C-alpha atoms as a PDB file:
ATOM      1  CA  UNK A   1       0.000   0.000   0.000  1.00  0.00           C
ATOM      2  CA  UNK A   2       2.779   2.416   0.955  1.00  0.00           C
ATOM      3  CA  UNK A   3       4.636   1.504  -2.242  1.00  0.00           C
ATOM      4  CA  UNK A   4       1.551   2.377  -4.350  1.00  0.00           C
ATOM      5  CA  UNK A   5       1.199   5.720  -2.591  1.00  0.00           C
ATOM      6  CA  UNK A   6       4.863   6.520  -3.236  1.00  0.00           C
ATOM      7  CA  UNK A   7       4.515   5.597  -6.923  1.00  0.00           C
ATOM      8  CA  UNK A   8       1.378   7.741  -7.312  1.00  0.00           C
ATOM      9  CA  UNK A   9       3.060  10.694  -5.602  1.00  0.00           C
ATOM     10  CA  UNK A  10       6.154  10.313  -7.806  1.00  0.00           C
ATOM     11  CA  UNK A  11       4.021  10.258 -10.982  1.00  0.00           C
ATOM     12  CA  UNK A  12       2.082  13.324  -9.864  1.00  0.00           C
ATOM     13  CA  UNK A  13       5.304  15.190  -9.079  1.00  0.00           C
ATOM     14  CA  UNK A  14       6.846  14.236 -12.435  1.00  0.00           C
ATOM     15  CA  UNK A  15       3.739  15.382 -14.354  1.00  0.00           C
ATOM     16  CA  UNK A  16       3.684  18.678 -12.464  1.00  0.00           C
ATOM     17  CA  UNK A  17       7.363  19.313 -13.228  1.00  0.00           C
ATOM     18  CA  UNK A  18       6.897  18.521 -16.944  1.00  0.00           C
ATOM     19  CA  UNK A  19       3.946  20.916 -17.193  1.00  0.00           C
ATOM     20  CA  UNK A  20       5.884  23.594 -15.349  1.00  0.00           C
ATOM     21  CA  UNK A  21       8.796  23.252 -17.788  1.00  0.00           C
ATOM     22  CA  UNK A  22       6.513  23.306 -20.875  1.00  0.00           C
ATOM     23  CA  UNK A  23       4.745  26.518 -19.813  1.00  0.00           C
ATOM     24  CA  UNK A  24       7.238  29.379 -19.711  1.00  0.00           C
ATOM     25  CA  UNK A  25       5.182  32.556 -19.402  1.00  0.00           C
ATOM     26  CA  UNK A  26       2.120  34.656 -20.177  1.00  0.00           C
ATOM     27  CA  UNK A  27       1.982  38.339 -21.007  1.00  0.00           C
ATOM     28  CA  UNK A  28       0.466  41.263 -22.844  1.00  0.00           C
ATOM     29  CA  UNK A  29       1.705  43.971 -25.179  1.00  0.00           C
ATOM     30  CA  UNK A  30       0.702  47.171 -26.955  1.00  0.00           C
ATOM     31  CA  UNK A  31       2.183  48.374 -30.196  1.00  0.00           C
ATOM     32  CA  UNK A  32       2.485  51.252 -32.632  1.00  0.00           C
ATOM     33  CA  UNK A  33       2.017  50.242 -36.274  1.00  0.00           C
ATOM     34  CA  UNK A  34       2.678  51.822 -39.649  1.00  0.00           C
ATOM     35  CA  UNK A  35       1.292  50.180 -42.800  1.00  0.00           C
ATOM     36  CA  UNK A  36       1.012  50.943 -46.484  1.00  0.00           C
ATOM     37  CA  UNK A  37      -0.549  49.473 -49.623  1.00  0.00           C
ATOM     38  CA  UNK A  38       1.198  48.911 -52.941  1.00  0.00           C
ATOM     39  CA  UNK A  39      -0.663  48.791 -56.270  1.00  0.00           C
ATOM     40  CA  UNK A  40       0.972  47.583 -59.493  1.00  0.00           C
ATOM     41  CA  UNK A  41      -1.145  48.018 -62.643  1.00  0.00           C
ATOM     42  CA  UNK A  42      -0.132  45.218 -65.014  1.00  0.00           C
ATOM     43  CA  UNK A  43      -1.658  46.797 -68.124  1.00  0.00           C
ATOM     44  CA  UNK A  44       0.772  48.288 -70.676  1.00  0.00           C
ATOM     45  CA  UNK A  45       0.904  52.071 -70.857  1.00  0.00           C
ATOM     46  CA  UNK A  46      -2.021  53.272 -72.950  1.00  0.00           C
ATOM     47  CA  UNK A  47      -1.953  57.009 -73.908  1.00  0.00           C
ATOM     48  CA  UNK A  48      -5.278  56.723 -75.725  1.00  0.00           C
ATOM     49  CA  UNK A  49      -7.637  55.003 -73.273  1.00  0.00           C
ATOM     50  CA  UNK A  50      -5.531  55.137 -70.076  1.00  0.00           C
ATOM     51  CA  UNK A  51      -6.205  51.494 -69.198  1.00  0.00           C
ATOM     52  CA  UNK A  52      -2.922  51.537 -67.228  1.00  0.00           C
ATOM     53  CA  UNK A  53      -4.494  53.727 -64.520  1.00  0.00           C
ATOM     54  CA  UNK A  54      -7.788  51.864 -64.003  1.00  0.00           C
ATOM     55  CA  UNK A  55      -9.117  50.550 -61.679  1.00  0.00           C
ATOM     56  CA  UNK A  56      -5.995  51.854 -59.871  1.00  0.00           C
ATOM     57  CA  UNK A  57      -2.659  53.270 -61.078  1.00  0.00           C
ATOM     58  CA  UNK A  58       0.687  51.873 -59.996  1.00  0.00           C
ATOM     59  CA  UNK A  59       1.674  53.549 -56.732  1.00  0.00           C
ATOM     60  CA  UNK A  60       2.340  53.046 -53.033  1.00  0.00           C
ATOM     61  CA  UNK A  61       0.027  54.655 -50.501  1.00  0.00           C
ATOM     62  CA  UNK A  62       1.192  56.963 -47.739  1.00  0.00           C
ATOM     63  CA  UNK A  63       1.747  55.415 -44.320  1.00  0.00           C
ATOM     64  CA  UNK A  64      -1.245  54.726 -42.062  1.00  0.00           C
ATOM     65  CA  UNK A  65      -0.317  55.037 -38.367  1.00  0.00           C
ATOM     66  CA  UNK A  66      -2.332  53.018 -35.844  1.00  0.00           C
ATOM     67  CA  UNK A  67      -1.959  50.687 -32.854  1.00  0.00           C
ATOM     68  CA  UNK A  68      -2.136  47.040 -31.789  1.00  0.00           C
ATOM     69  CA  UNK A  69      -2.816  45.192 -28.538  1.00  0.00           C
ATOM     70  CA  UNK A  70      -2.500  41.522 -27.691  1.00  0.00           C
ATOM     71  CA  UNK A  71      -2.037  38.630 -25.274  1.00  0.00           C
ATOM     72  CA  UNK A  72       0.726  36.030 -25.500  1.00  0.00           C
ATOM     73  CA  UNK A  73       1.725  32.658 -24.122  1.00  0.00           C
ATOM     74  CA  UNK A  74       5.210  31.153 -24.265  1.00  0.00           C
ATOM     75  CA  UNK A  75       5.856  27.408 -24.241  1.00  0.00           C
ATOM     76  CA  UNK A  76       8.505  24.634 -24.633  1.00  0.00           C
ATOM     77  CA  UNK A  77      11.135  23.548 -22.120  1.00  0.00           C
ATOM     78  CA  UNK A  78      14.194  24.298 -24.272  1.00  0.00           C
ATOM     79  CA  UNK A  79      16.659  26.939 -23.153  1.00  0.00           C
ATOM     80  CA  UNK A  80      17.245  28.778 -26.453  1.00  0.00           C
ATOM     81  CA  UNK A  81      14.073  28.161 -28.481  1.00  0.00           C
ATOM     82  CA  UNK A  82      10.418  28.602 -27.501  1.00  0.00           C
ATOM     83  CA  UNK A  83       6.995  28.620 -29.119  1.00  0.00           C
ATOM     84  CA  UNK A  84       5.093  31.899 -28.661  1.00  0.00           C
ATOM     85  CA  UNK A  85       1.390  32.072 -29.542  1.00  0.00           C
ATOM     86  CA  UNK A  86      -0.600  35.315 -29.515  1.00  0.00           C
ATOM     87  CA  UNK A  87      -4.095  36.722 -29.898  1.00  0.00           C
ATOM     88  CA  UNK A  88      -3.873  40.271 -31.266  1.00  0.00           C
ATOM     89  CA  UNK A  89      -6.128  43.101 -32.399  1.00  0.00           C
ATOM     90  CA  UNK A  90      -4.505  45.181 -35.108  1.00  0.00           C
ATOM     91  CA  UNK A  91      -5.547  47.840 -37.628  1.00  0.00           C
ATOM     92  CA  UNK A  92      -3.854  47.915 -41.037  1.00  0.00           C
ATOM     93  CA  UNK A  93      -4.365  50.399 -43.828  1.00  0.00           C
ATOM     94  CA  UNK A  94      -3.012  53.039 -46.164  1.00  0.00           C
ATOM     95  CA  UNK A  95      -3.601  56.740 -46.842  1.00  0.00           C
ATOM     96  CA  UNK A  96      -4.655  57.414 -50.435  1.00  0.00           C
ATOM     97  CA  UNK A  97      -5.056  60.549 -52.510  1.00  0.00           C
ATOM     98  CA  UNK A  98      -7.273  59.259 -55.338  1.00  0.00           C
ATOM     99  CA  UNK A  99      -6.260  60.215 -58.852  1.00  0.00           C
ATOM    100  CA  UNK A 100      -8.436  62.668 -60.746  1.00  0.00           C
ATOM    101  CA  UNK A 101      -8.749  62.907 -64.519  1.00  0.00           C
ATOM    102  CA  UNK A 102      -5.770  61.334 -66.365  1.00  0.00           C
ATOM    103  CA  UNK A 103      -2.967  63.699 -67.455  1.00  0.00           C
ATOM    104  CA  UNK A 104      -4.198  66.516 -65.204  1.00  0.00           C
ATOM    105  CA  UNK A 105      -2.250  65.601 -62.080  1.00  0.00           C
ATOM    106  CA  UNK A 106      -5.322  66.266 -59.959  1.00  0.00           C
ATOM    107  CA  UNK A 107      -5.559  64.396 -56.658  1.00  0.00           C
ATOM    108  CA  UNK A 108      -8.382  64.050 -54.173  1.00  0.00           C
ATOM    109  CA  UNK A 109      -8.106  64.657 -50.421  1.00  0.00           C
ATOM    110  CA  UNK A 110      -6.243  62.208 -48.155  1.00  0.00           C
ATOM    111  CA  UNK A 111      -8.494  59.170 -47.753  1.00  0.00           C
ATOM    112  CA  UNK A 112      -7.728  56.194 -45.462  1.00  0.00           C
ATOM    113  CA  UNK A 113      -8.390  52.589 -46.423  1.00  0.00           C
ATOM    114  CA  UNK A 114      -8.439  50.603 -43.172  1.00  0.00           C
ATOM    115  CA  UNK A 115      -8.802  46.978 -42.060  1.00  0.00           C
ATOM    116  CA  UNK A 116      -9.577  46.073 -38.435  1.00  0.00           C
ATOM    117  CA  UNK A 117      -8.225  42.548 -37.866  1.00  0.00           C
ATOM    118  CA  UNK A 118      -8.158  39.944 -35.114  1.00  0.00           C
ATOM    119  CA  UNK A 119      -5.031  37.805 -35.499  1.00  0.00           C
ATOM    120  CA  UNK A 120      -3.700  34.484 -34.209  1.00  0.00           C
ATOM    121  CA  UNK A 121       0.099  34.726 -34.381  1.00  0.00           C
ATOM    122  CA  UNK A 122       2.600  31.885 -33.878  1.00  0.00           C
ATOM    123  CA  UNK A 123       6.375  32.248 -33.655  1.00  0.00           C
ATOM    124  CA  UNK A 124       9.539  30.283 -33.124  1.00  0.00           C
ATOM    125  CA  UNK A 125      11.343  32.431 -30.537  1.00  0.00           C
ATOM    126  CA  UNK A 126      15.115  31.976 -30.633  1.00  0.00           C
ATOM    127  CA  UNK A 127      17.079  33.409 -27.695  1.00  0.00           C
ATOM    128  CA  UNK A 128      20.647  34.693 -27.910  1.00  0.00           C
ATOM    129  CA  UNK A 129      23.205  34.858 -25.147  1.00  0.00           C
ATOM    130  CA  UNK A 130      22.079  36.397 -21.880  1.00  0.00           C
ATOM    131  CA  UNK A 131      23.793  39.594 -20.791  1.00  0.00           C
ATOM    132  CA  UNK A 132      23.783  41.806 -17.734  1.00  0.00           C
ATOM    133  CA  UNK A 133      20.945  43.994 -19.064  1.00  0.00           C
ATOM    134  CA  UNK A 134      18.811  41.155 -20.458  1.00  0.00           C
ATOM    135  CA  UNK A 135      18.580  38.827 -23.421  1.00  0.00           C
ATOM    136  CA  UNK A 136      17.984  39.419 -27.180  1.00  0.00           C
ATOM    137  CA  UNK A 137      15.906  37.126 -29.347  1.00  0.00           C
ATOM    138  CA  UNK A 138      14.740  36.498 -32.913  1.00  0.00           C
ATOM    139  CA  UNK A 139      11.138  35.640 -33.884  1.00  0.00           C
ATOM    140  CA  UNK A 140      10.099  33.786 -37.058  1.00  0.00           C
ATOM    141  CA  UNK A 141       6.477  32.917 -37.743  1.00  0.00           C
ATOM    142  CA  UNK A 142       3.155  33.726 -39.330  1.00  0.00           C
ATOM    143  CA  UNK A 143      -0.120  35.499 -38.605  1.00  0.00           C
ATOM    144  CA  UNK A 144      -3.590  34.120 -39.306  1.00  0.00           C
ATOM    145  CA  UNK A 145      -5.688  37.256 -39.868  1.00  0.00           C
ATOM    146  CA  UNK A 146      -9.465  37.587 -39.781  1.00  0.00           C
ATOM    147  CA  UNK A 147     -10.898  40.899 -40.958  1.00  0.00           C
ATOM    148  CA  UNK A 148     -13.564  42.125 -38.523  1.00  0.00           C
ATOM    149  CA  UNK A 149     -14.446  45.295 -40.445  1.00  0.00           C
ATOM    150  CA  UNK A 150     -13.060  47.609 -43.088  1.00  0.00           C
ATOM    151  CA  UNK A 151     -13.465  51.142 -44.388  1.00  0.00           C
ATOM    152  CA  UNK A 152     -12.584  51.651 -48.063  1.00  0.00           C
ATOM    153  CA  UNK A 153     -12.583  55.224 -49.360  1.00  0.00           C
ATOM    154  CA  UNK A 154     -10.430  54.884 -52.489  1.00  0.00           C
ATOM    155  CA  UNK A 155      -9.754  52.306 -55.199  1.00  0.00           C
ATOM    156  CA  UNK A 156     -12.534  50.133 -53.799  1.00  0.00           C
ATOM    157  CA  UNK A 157     -12.538  47.723 -56.756  1.00  0.00           C
ATOM    158  CA  UNK A 158      -9.081  46.559 -55.641  1.00  0.00           C
ATOM    159  CA  UNK A 159      -8.750  47.271 -51.907  1.00  0.00           C
ATOM    160  CA  UNK A 160     -12.315  46.136 -51.261  1.00  0.00           C
ATOM    161  CA  UNK A 161     -11.485  42.684 -52.675  1.00  0.00           C
ATOM    162  CA  UNK A 162      -8.999  41.835 -49.894  1.00  0.00           C
ATOM    163  CA  UNK A 163     -10.112  38.450 -48.454  1.00  0.00           C
ATOM    164  CA  UNK A 164     -11.520  38.267 -44.922  1.00  0.00           C
ATOM    165  CA  UNK A 165      -9.032  35.523 -43.977  1.00  0.00           C
ATOM    166  CA  UNK A 166      -5.342  35.783 -44.788  1.00  0.00           C
ATOM    167  CA  UNK A 167      -2.016  34.266 -43.692  1.00  0.00           C
ATOM    168  CA  UNK A 168       1.043  36.527 -43.653  1.00  0.00           C
ATOM    169  CA  UNK A 169       4.689  35.875 -42.688  1.00  0.00           C
ATOM    170  CA  UNK A 170       6.364  37.771 -39.866  1.00  0.00           C
ATOM    171  CA  UNK A 171       9.930  38.285 -38.686  1.00  0.00           C
ATOM    172  CA  UNK A 172      10.831  40.151 -35.522  1.00  0.00           C
ATOM    173  CA  UNK A 173      13.646  40.993 -33.139  1.00  0.00           C
ATOM    174  CA  UNK A 174      13.191  41.591 -29.439  1.00  0.00           C
ATOM    175  CA  UNK A 175      14.913  42.242 -26.135  1.00  0.00           C
ATOM    176  CA  UNK A 176      13.756  41.067 -22.702  1.00  0.00           C
ATOM    177  CA  UNK A 177      15.113  43.199 -19.876  1.00  0.00           C
ATOM    178  CA  UNK A 178      16.729  41.741 -16.769  1.00  0.00           C
ATOM    179  CA  UNK A 179      14.475  41.529 -13.721  1.00  0.00           C
ATOM    180  CA  UNK A 180      14.708  40.127 -10.202  1.00  0.00           C
ATOM    181  CA  UNK A 181      10.948  39.545 -10.065  1.00  0.00           C
ATOM    182  CA  UNK A 182       8.617  37.242 -11.989  1.00  0.00           C
ATOM    183  CA  UNK A 183       7.605  40.163 -14.239  1.00  0.00           C
ATOM    184  CA  UNK A 184       9.839  40.964 -17.211  1.00  0.00           C
ATOM    185  CA  UNK A 185       9.570  43.946 -19.562  1.00  0.00           C
ATOM    186  CA  UNK A 186      10.312  43.473 -23.254  1.00  0.00           C
ATOM    187  CA  UNK A 187      10.294  45.343 -26.544  1.00  0.00           C
ATOM    188  CA  UNK A 188       9.991  43.990 -30.119  1.00  0.00           C
ATOM    189  CA  UNK A 189      10.132  45.213 -33.714  1.00  0.00           C
ATOM    190  CA  UNK A 190       8.164  43.213 -36.334  1.00  0.00           C
ATOM    191  CA  UNK A 191       8.134  43.252 -40.137  1.00  0.00           C
ATOM    192  CA  UNK A 192       4.899  41.799 -41.557  1.00  0.00           C
ATOM    193  CA  UNK A 193       4.454  41.784 -45.379  1.00  0.00           C
ATOM    194  CA  UNK A 194       1.943  39.934 -47.547  1.00  0.00           C
ATOM    195  CA  UNK A 195       3.465  36.716 -48.869  1.00  0.00           C
ATOM    196  CA  UNK A 196       1.356  36.627 -52.056  1.00  0.00           C
ATOM    197  CA  UNK A 197       0.142  39.582 -54.100  1.00  0.00           C
ATOM    198  CA  UNK A 198      -3.606  39.674 -54.770  1.00  0.00           C
ATOM    199  CA  UNK A 199      -4.451  40.412 -58.424  1.00  0.00           C
ATOM    200  CA  UNK A 200      -7.787  42.113 -59.215  1.00  0.00           C
ATOM    201  CA  UNK A 201      -8.645  43.372 -62.713  1.00  0.00           C
ATOM    202  CA  UNK A 202      -4.969  43.397 -63.766  1.00  0.00           C
ATOM    203  CA  UNK A 203      -3.868  45.234 -60.605  1.00  0.00           C
ATOM    204  CA  UNK A 204      -1.540  43.482 -58.142  1.00  0.00           C
ATOM    205  CA  UNK A 205      -2.093  44.570 -54.520  1.00  0.00           C
ATOM    206  CA  UNK A 206      -0.179  43.868 -51.322  1.00  0.00           C
ATOM    207  CA  UNK A 207       0.179  45.267 -47.810  1.00  0.00           C
ATOM    208  CA  UNK A 208       3.204  45.794 -45.543  1.00  0.00           C
ATOM    209  CA  UNK A 209       3.320  46.576 -41.822  1.00  0.00           C
ATOM    210  CA  UNK A 210       5.995  47.567 -39.304  1.00  0.00           C
ATOM    211  CA  UNK A 211       5.066  47.097 -35.645  1.00  0.00           C
ATOM    212  CA  UNK A 212       6.940  48.350 -32.565  1.00  0.00           C
ATOM    213  CA  UNK A 213       5.811  46.674 -29.329  1.00  0.00           C
ATOM    214  CA  UNK A 214       6.342  47.115 -25.617  1.00  0.00           C
ATOM    215  CA  UNK A 215       5.012  44.551 -23.177  1.00  0.00           C
ATOM    216  CA  UNK A 216       5.363  42.576 -19.996  1.00  0.00           C
ATOM    217  CA  UNK A 217       5.604  38.821 -19.458  1.00  0.00           C
ATOM    218  CA  UNK A 218       5.033  36.858 -16.241  1.00  0.00           C
ATOM    219  CA  UNK A 219       7.428  33.935 -15.769  1.00  0.00           C
ATOM    220  CA  UNK A 220       6.782  31.448 -12.907  1.00  0.00           C
ATOM    221  CA  UNK A 221      10.043  30.889 -11.114  1.00  0.00           C
ATOM    222  CA  UNK A 222      11.509  27.567 -10.036  1.00  0.00           C
ATOM    223  CA  UNK A 223      11.736  26.640  -6.379  1.00  0.00           C
ATOM    224  CA  UNK A 224      15.442  27.664  -6.305  1.00  0.00           C
ATOM    225  CA  UNK A 225      14.348  31.250  -6.963  1.00  0.00           C
ATOM    226  CA  UNK A 226      12.771  31.441  -3.511  1.00  0.00           C
ATOM    227  CA  UNK A 227      16.117  31.771  -1.734  1.00  0.00           C
ATOM    228  CA  UNK A 228      16.973  35.057  -0.080  1.00  0.00           C
ATOM    229  CA  UNK A 229      19.825  36.017  -2.412  1.00  0.00           C
ATOM    230  CA  UNK A 230      18.440  38.025  -5.354  1.00  0.00           C
ATOM    231  CA  UNK A 231      19.525  36.540  -8.678  1.00  0.00           C
ATOM    232  CA  UNK A 232      18.375  37.216 -12.222  1.00  0.00           C
ATOM    233  CA  UNK A 233      17.711  33.996 -14.149  1.00  0.00           C
ATOM    234  CA  UNK A 234      16.769  35.537 -17.479  1.00  0.00           C
ATOM    235  CA  UNK A 235      14.121  34.068 -19.744  1.00  0.00           C
ATOM    236  CA  UNK A 236      15.036  30.485 -18.840  1.00  0.00           C
ATOM    237  CA  UNK A 237      12.885  30.589 -15.696  1.00  0.00           C
END
């Protein structure tokens, strides 16, 4: 009977330790974003009927400045590579000045095209060497985007055809600051382009976003962290 109790306790302890090692942290972040849209009209230049400027001429929009906010979880027991999964709200867009009559150079007022998205992001998070101030890392992954709503004020035949669900690649760099507590501040810079150009009526369209984040992550510490001497254990704990 005692032997069975010991075995059950040992299995429970082992399972608890494995779960503790798999789960590495949970956090939240806010970000500043800048996005733009690029249009490439694939029609040959036509000085008679101007088919090369309809339904949109070749150009890149001005930058649209907005924000993002999200929650994250970090997993895997390995020291230098983790899996980070996120749920994020983000607004993408571009500022347009619609073209007037061909050959006149006339432009309309600044008009935003915007897309309010909810995103499920997943990254491989690769940590560098830990230093006195903290630890740098590289993030490689993708975003599954679902468009909640949109506002299209210019070139609607093209921008309005953006699908509601899209997958985009993402690469980022980050730095997690040293901390003696379970709470760790971090900052990240992400580059998020469209992987595939959408083609509508002979116009290729794609988006690009830069995102600068600041956030905080909670990391449960191991039992050794409960000693009186303050020590920073980096992102490994």
